[in-house]
C-alpha cells in the first residue's frame, strides 16, 4: 500500500506541475500543552479547475523524542460551487502505511 500512495503522490505532483492553475504552500505549528509537544503540518496545494490536491506531512517535536515524522495525508477535493466541496483524504502513518480514508462534504457561508 505504501507504494500505491507514493505512486499516486508522484503522478499528481508531476502532472500538476505542468497543468496547475494555482500552486500554494502552507502549514502550521501548534503546541499541545498537556503532551508538551510541538506539532507541525507542512504541505502544498495544487489547483486545476475545480479540483484541488493537497499532500500534507505531519511531524512532532518534544524533548523526549526530538523531531519525529508522524505521517502524511493526501486530500483530493472537487468544488461543487464557491461554498461547497466534496473531498476524500487518505492518511498514512509514519512508516507510510495506509491508516484511514475519509470522505466528506465541506461548506462555508
C-alpha atoms as a PDB file:
ATOM      1  CA  UNK A   1       0.000   0.000   0.000  1.00  0.00           C
ATOM      2  CA  UNK A   2       2.961   2.305   0.666  1.00  0.00           C
ATOM      3  CA  UNK A   3       3.978   2.041  -2.984  1.00  0.00           C
ATOM      4  CA  UNK A   4       0.448   2.869  -4.155  1.00  0.00           C
ATOM      5  CA  UNK A   5       0.364   6.021  -2.001  1.00  0.00           C
ATOM      6  CA  UNK A   6       3.817   7.110  -3.167  1.00  0.00           C
ATOM      7  CA  UNK A   7       2.931   6.439  -6.819  1.00  0.00           C
ATOM      8  CA  UNK A   8      -0.308   8.443  -6.548  1.00  0.00           C
ATOM      9  CA  UNK A   9       1.521  11.376  -5.000  1.00  0.00           C
ATOM     10  CA  UNK A  10       4.276  11.191  -7.612  1.00  0.00           C
ATOM     11  CA  UNK A  11       1.840  11.160 -10.528  1.00  0.00           C
ATOM     12  CA  UNK A  12      -0.164  14.017  -9.045  1.00  0.00           C
ATOM     13  CA  UNK A  13       2.917  16.143  -8.446  1.00  0.00           C
ATOM     14  CA  UNK A  14       4.388  15.532 -11.892  1.00  0.00           C
ATOM     15  CA  UNK A  15       1.215  16.100 -13.896  1.00  0.00           C
ATOM     16  CA  UNK A  16       0.066  19.018 -11.804  1.00  0.00           C
ATOM     17  CA  UNK A  17       3.314  20.915 -12.267  1.00  0.00           C
ATOM     18  CA  UNK A  18       2.651  21.293 -15.980  1.00  0.00           C
ATOM     19  CA  UNK A  19      -1.102  21.976 -15.824  1.00  0.00           C
ATOM     20  CA  UNK A  20      -1.520  23.735 -12.486  1.00  0.00           C
ATOM     21  CA  UNK A  21      -3.539  26.899 -12.320  1.00  0.00           C
ATOM     22  CA  UNK A  22      -2.533  27.591  -8.757  1.00  0.00           C
ATOM     23  CA  UNK A  23       0.204  26.257  -6.547  1.00  0.00           C
ATOM     24  CA  UNK A  24       0.414  27.243  -2.914  1.00  0.00           C
ATOM     25  CA  UNK A  25       2.472  26.186   0.085  1.00  0.00           C
ATOM     26  CA  UNK A  26       1.499  26.443   3.703  1.00  0.00           C
ATOM     27  CA  UNK A  27       1.445  24.873   7.090  1.00  0.00           C
ATOM     28  CA  UNK A  28       1.004  25.447  10.777  1.00  0.00           C
ATOM     29  CA  UNK A  29       2.764  24.897  14.073  1.00  0.00           C
ATOM     30  CA  UNK A  30       0.951  24.291  17.335  1.00  0.00           C
ATOM     31  CA  UNK A  31       1.852  23.418  20.914  1.00  0.00           C
ATOM     32  CA  UNK A  32      -0.065  20.747  22.825  1.00  0.00           C
ATOM     33  CA  UNK A  33       0.016  21.848  26.464  1.00  0.00           C
ATOM     34  CA  UNK A  34      -0.737  18.551  28.237  1.00  0.00           C
ATOM     35  CA  UNK A  35       1.516  16.479  25.952  1.00  0.00           C
ATOM     36  CA  UNK A  36       4.227  19.199  25.968  1.00  0.00           C
ATOM     37  CA  UNK A  37       4.745  18.607  22.256  1.00  0.00           C
ATOM     38  CA  UNK A  38       5.049  20.860  19.233  1.00  0.00           C
ATOM     39  CA  UNK A  39       3.302  19.611  16.105  1.00  0.00           C
ATOM     40  CA  UNK A  40       3.774  20.938  12.594  1.00  0.00           C
ATOM     41  CA  UNK A  41       1.918  20.353   9.332  1.00  0.00           C
ATOM     42  CA  UNK A  42       3.570  21.357   6.068  1.00  0.00           C
ATOM     43  CA  UNK A  43       2.276  20.853   2.560  1.00  0.00           C
ATOM     44  CA  UNK A  44       1.297  22.178  -0.804  1.00  0.00           C
ATOM     45  CA  UNK A  45      -1.959  22.815  -2.624  1.00  0.00           C
ATOM     46  CA  UNK A  46      -2.333  22.292  -6.358  1.00  0.00           C
ATOM     47  CA  UNK A  47      -5.465  23.600  -8.092  1.00  0.00           C
ATOM     48  CA  UNK A  48      -6.638  22.569 -11.561  1.00  0.00           C
ATOM     49  CA  UNK A  49     -10.045  23.957 -12.438  1.00  0.00           C
ATOM     50  CA  UNK A  50     -12.449  22.761  -9.759  1.00  0.00           C
ATOM     51  CA  UNK A  51     -10.066  20.066  -8.455  1.00  0.00           C
ATOM     52  CA  UNK A  52      -7.632  20.633  -5.594  1.00  0.00           C
ATOM     53  CA  UNK A  53      -4.887  18.222  -4.493  1.00  0.00           C
ATOM     54  CA  UNK A  54      -3.197  18.674  -1.118  1.00  0.00           C
ATOM     55  CA  UNK A  55      -0.380  16.454   0.176  1.00  0.00           C
ATOM     56  CA  UNK A  56       0.450  17.260   3.829  1.00  0.00           C
ATOM     57  CA  UNK A  57       3.213  15.957   6.108  1.00  0.00           C
ATOM     58  CA  UNK A  58       2.933  15.941   9.895  1.00  0.00           C
ATOM     59  CA  UNK A  59       5.834  15.918  12.361  1.00  0.00           C
ATOM     60  CA  UNK A  60       6.105  16.447  16.104  1.00  0.00           C
ATOM     61  CA  UNK A  61       8.842  17.578  18.475  1.00  0.00           C
ATOM     62  CA  UNK A  62       9.228  17.046  22.199  1.00  0.00           C
ATOM     63  CA  UNK A  63      12.227  16.933  24.486  1.00  0.00           C
ATOM     64  CA  UNK A  64      11.667  13.164  24.847  1.00  0.00           C
ATOM     65  CA  UNK A  65      11.660  12.169  21.162  1.00  0.00           C
ATOM     66  CA  UNK A  66      13.250  15.062  19.233  1.00  0.00           C
ATOM     67  CA  UNK A  67      11.720  15.536  15.763  1.00  0.00           C
ATOM     68  CA  UNK A  68       9.527  12.621  14.712  1.00  0.00           C
ATOM     69  CA  UNK A  69       7.733  12.110  11.388  1.00  0.00           C
ATOM     70  CA  UNK A  70       4.112  11.324  12.277  1.00  0.00           C
ATOM     71  CA  UNK A  71       2.599  10.651   8.875  1.00  0.00           C
ATOM     72  CA  UNK A  72       1.104  12.031   5.722  1.00  0.00           C
ATOM     73  CA  UNK A  73      -2.322  12.979   4.387  1.00  0.00           C
ATOM     74  CA  UNK A  74      -3.320  13.324   0.745  1.00  0.00           C
ATOM     75  CA  UNK A  75      -6.584  15.130   0.001  1.00  0.00           C
ATOM     76  CA  UNK A  76      -8.379  15.479  -3.318  1.00  0.00           C
ATOM     77  CA  UNK A  77     -11.346  17.869  -3.440  1.00  0.00           C
ATOM     78  CA  UNK A  78     -13.897  18.903  -6.051  1.00  0.00           C
ATOM     79  CA  UNK A  79     -15.622  22.299  -5.772  1.00  0.00           C
ATOM     80  CA  UNK A  80     -19.358  21.956  -6.383  1.00  0.00           C
ATOM     81  CA  UNK A  81     -19.812  25.726  -6.091  1.00  0.00           C
ATOM     82  CA  UNK A  82     -17.948  28.548  -4.269  1.00  0.00           C
ATOM     83  CA  UNK A  83     -19.247  27.445  -0.863  1.00  0.00           C
ATOM     84  CA  UNK A  84     -19.329  23.608  -1.094  1.00  0.00           C
ATOM     85  CA  UNK A  85     -16.783  20.937  -1.968  1.00  0.00           C
ATOM     86  CA  UNK A  86     -16.593  17.161  -1.925  1.00  0.00           C
ATOM     87  CA  UNK A  87     -13.342  15.697  -0.620  1.00  0.00           C
ATOM     88  CA  UNK A  88     -11.510  12.451   0.075  1.00  0.00           C
ATOM     89  CA  UNK A  89      -8.454  12.138   2.317  1.00  0.00           C
ATOM     90  CA  UNK A  90      -6.093   9.161   2.511  1.00  0.00           C
ATOM     91  CA  UNK A  91      -3.946   9.035   5.645  1.00  0.00           C
ATOM     92  CA  UNK A  92      -0.683   7.150   6.187  1.00  0.00           C
ATOM     93  CA  UNK A  93       1.299   6.692   9.392  1.00  0.00           C
ATOM     94  CA  UNK A  94       4.986   7.458   9.975  1.00  0.00           C
ATOM     95  CA  UNK A  95       6.024   4.347   8.038  1.00  0.00           C
ATOM     96  CA  UNK A  96       3.803   5.430   5.115  1.00  0.00           C
ATOM     97  CA  UNK A  97       1.498   2.503   5.801  1.00  0.00           C
ATOM     98  CA  UNK A  98      -2.179   3.071   4.972  1.00  0.00           C
ATOM     99  CA  UNK A  99      -4.113   4.221   8.029  1.00  0.00           C
ATOM    100  CA  UNK A 100      -7.546   5.634   7.080  1.00  0.00           C
ATOM    101  CA  UNK A 101      -9.662   7.097   4.279  1.00  0.00           C
ATOM    102  CA  UNK A 102     -12.143   9.896   4.951  1.00  0.00           C
ATOM    103  CA  UNK A 103     -14.774  11.220   2.523  1.00  0.00           C
ATOM    104  CA  UNK A 104     -16.968  14.206   3.154  1.00  0.00           C
ATOM    105  CA  UNK A 105     -18.655  17.422   2.164  1.00  0.00           C
ATOM    106  CA  UNK A 106     -17.186  20.741   3.329  1.00  0.00           C
ATOM    107  CA  UNK A 107     -19.120  24.006   3.302  1.00  0.00           C
ATOM    108  CA  UNK A 108     -18.694  27.644   4.262  1.00  0.00           C
ATOM    109  CA  UNK A 109     -21.049  30.598   4.329  1.00  0.00           C
END
